[in-house]
Amino acid sequence: MEPNIEPAIDEWHTSVNDGDPKRAADAVGNPIVVLGPKGAGSITPEQFADWVERSGIRLIPRSWHPVAERLMVVEQDATWPQSKDPTRVATVFRVAGGKVTAALRLPDLGSALDLAHICHEMAATV
């Protein structure tokens, strides 16, 4: 297990939940790979910080599921400024060098675990 995986993911959650763009930019790698309902791709830390400010999302971790040395799935309760009730989601995190280098948000834990295992298998094979 990457020694800094849990602290890096904790810092990512804290920066996102605080809506702190500078801290969010510092919590992620350059680039960070993202996946969400509006698309997927690699973005810069500055673009990630902009998303944190614009979205107003809050993601409260509920359960942690280690997958591989650098991969963790975290089930979360998500809220947005316009929502009253939380929505349960799950995010596949990849961590390197103490920073989150991928945050792939999926609609449920099963989907996130499936994707994380596929990512792990792809990285392990030629």
Protein backbone atom coordinates (compact mmCIF):
# COMPACT_ATOMS: atom_id res chain seq x y z
CA MET A 1 0.00 0.00 0.00
CA GLU A 2 1.30 3.48 -0.88
CA PRO A 3 2.30 4.81 2.56
CA ASN A 4 0.51 8.13 2.03
CA ILE A 5 -2.67 6.87 0.37
CA GLU A 6 -5.11 7.49 3.23
CA PRO A 7 -3.64 10.86 4.30
CA ALA A 8 -3.64 12.01 0.64
CA ILE A 9 -7.30 11.04 0.20
CA ASP A 10 -8.18 12.66 3.54
CA GLU A 11 -6.50 15.88 2.40
CA TRP A 12 -8.38 15.71 -0.92
CA HIS A 13 -11.71 15.38 0.94
CA THR A 14 -10.85 18.20 3.36
CA SER A 15 -9.86 20.58 0.57
CA VAL A 16 -12.95 19.77 -1.50
CA ASN A 17 -15.33 19.96 1.46
CA ASP A 18 -13.83 23.27 2.60
CA GLY A 19 -14.16 24.65 -0.93
CA ASP A 20 -10.55 25.77 -0.66
CA PRO A 21 -9.15 26.13 -4.20
CA LYS A 22 -5.49 26.60 -3.22
CA ARG A 23 -5.54 23.64 -0.88
CA ALA A 24 -7.40 21.56 -3.51
CA ALA A 25 -4.75 22.37 -6.13
CA ASP A 26 -2.02 21.37 -3.67
CA ALA A 27 -3.76 18.04 -2.89
CA VAL A 28 -3.63 16.71 -6.44
CA GLY A 29 -1.01 15.68 -8.97
CA ASN A 30 -0.29 17.41 -12.23
CA PRO A 31 -2.29 16.27 -14.06
CA ILE A 32 -5.15 14.68 -12.18
CA VAL A 33 -7.41 12.28 -14.08
CA VAL A 34 -11.08 12.85 -13.31
CA LEU A 35 -14.34 11.11 -14.14
CA GLY A 36 -17.80 12.33 -13.30
CA PRO A 37 -21.23 12.84 -14.78
CA LYS A 38 -19.98 15.67 -17.02
CA GLY A 39 -17.06 13.76 -18.53
CA ALA A 40 -13.58 12.40 -18.07
CA GLY A 41 -10.04 13.47 -18.77
CA SER A 42 -6.81 14.85 -17.43
CA ILE A 43 -6.92 18.33 -15.93
CA THR A 44 -4.43 20.60 -14.22
CA PRO A 45 -4.49 21.30 -10.50
CA GLU A 46 -5.77 24.80 -11.32
CA GLN A 47 -8.68 23.35 -13.31
CA PHE A 48 -9.43 21.01 -10.42
CA ALA A 49 -9.42 23.99 -8.03
CA ASP A 50 -11.85 25.82 -10.32
CA TRP A 51 -14.17 22.79 -10.27
CA VAL A 52 -14.03 22.70 -6.46
CA GLU A 53 -15.14 26.35 -6.32
CA ARG A 54 -17.83 26.06 -9.01
CA SER A 55 -19.43 22.78 -7.96
CA GLY A 56 -19.86 23.43 -4.24
CA ILE A 57 -19.87 19.64 -3.80
CA ARG A 58 -19.30 18.05 -0.42
CA LEU A 59 -18.26 14.39 -0.24
CA ILE A 60 -18.39 12.72 3.18
CA PRO A 61 -16.47 9.41 3.27
CA ARG A 62 -18.55 6.49 4.55
CA SER A 63 -16.47 3.39 3.78
CA TRP A 64 -12.96 2.70 2.51
CA HIS A 65 -12.06 -0.20 0.22
CA PRO A 66 -8.35 -0.79 -0.55
CA VAL A 67 -7.86 -2.29 -4.00
CA ALA A 68 -4.12 -2.12 -4.68
CA GLU A 69 -0.99 -0.36 -3.52
CA ARG A 70 -2.03 2.98 -5.07
CA LEU A 71 -5.80 2.43 -5.51
CA MET A 72 -8.60 2.97 -3.01
CA VAL A 73 -12.35 3.14 -3.46
CA VAL A 74 -14.19 5.42 -1.05
CA GLU A 75 -17.96 5.31 -0.74
CA GLN A 76 -19.28 8.80 -0.01
CA ASP A 77 -22.39 10.83 0.68
CA ALA A 78 -22.42 13.68 -1.85
CA THR A 79 -24.31 16.94 -1.52
CA TRP A 80 -24.46 20.02 -3.69
CA PRO A 81 -25.69 23.52 -2.83
CA GLN A 82 -29.02 22.85 -4.56
CA SER A 83 -29.60 19.43 -2.94
CA LYS A 84 -31.19 18.78 0.43
CA ASP A 85 -30.53 15.07 0.75
CA PRO A 86 -27.19 13.33 0.21
CA THR A 87 -26.63 10.98 -2.71
CA ARG A 88 -24.48 7.90 -2.15
CA VAL A 89 -21.62 7.71 -4.67
CA ALA A 90 -18.19 6.07 -4.78
CA THR A 91 -14.85 7.35 -6.02
CA VAL A 92 -11.82 5.43 -7.26
CA PHE A 93 -8.71 7.23 -6.03
CA ARG A 94 -5.17 6.74 -7.28
CA VAL A 95 -2.37 8.21 -5.19
CA ALA A 96 1.28 8.79 -6.07
CA GLY A 97 3.85 10.76 -4.13
CA GLY A 98 1.33 11.73 -1.47
CA LYS A 99 -1.06 13.37 -3.96
CA VAL A 100 -4.31 12.23 -5.54
CA THR A 101 -3.55 11.62 -9.23
CA ALA A 102 -6.98 10.24 -10.18
CA ALA A 103 -10.49 10.74 -8.78
CA LEU A 104 -13.05 8.73 -10.74
CA ARG A 105 -16.56 9.26 -9.34
CA LEU A 106 -19.17 6.62 -10.07
CA PRO A 107 -22.81 6.26 -9.07
CA ASP A 108 -22.32 3.29 -6.72
CA LEU A 109 -19.80 1.19 -4.84
CA GLY A 110 -20.11 -1.86 -7.13
CA SER A 111 -19.31 0.17 -10.25
CA ALA A 112 -16.37 1.85 -8.55
CA LEU A 113 -14.92 -1.43 -7.32
CA ASP A 114 -15.32 -2.98 -10.78
CA LEU A 115 -13.51 -0.05 -12.41
CA ALA A 116 -10.75 -0.07 -9.78
CA HIS A 117 -10.09 -3.77 -10.33
CA ILE A 118 -10.00 -3.25 -14.11
CA CYS A 119 -7.55 -0.36 -13.69
CA HIS A 120 -5.38 -2.52 -11.44
CA GLU A 121 -5.40 -5.41 -13.93
CA MET A 122 -4.54 -3.09 -16.83
CA ALA A 123 -1.59 -1.63 -14.91
CA ALA A 124 -0.36 -5.12 -14.01
CA THR A 125 -0.38 -6.50 -17.56
CA VAL A 126 1.28 -5.60 -20.82
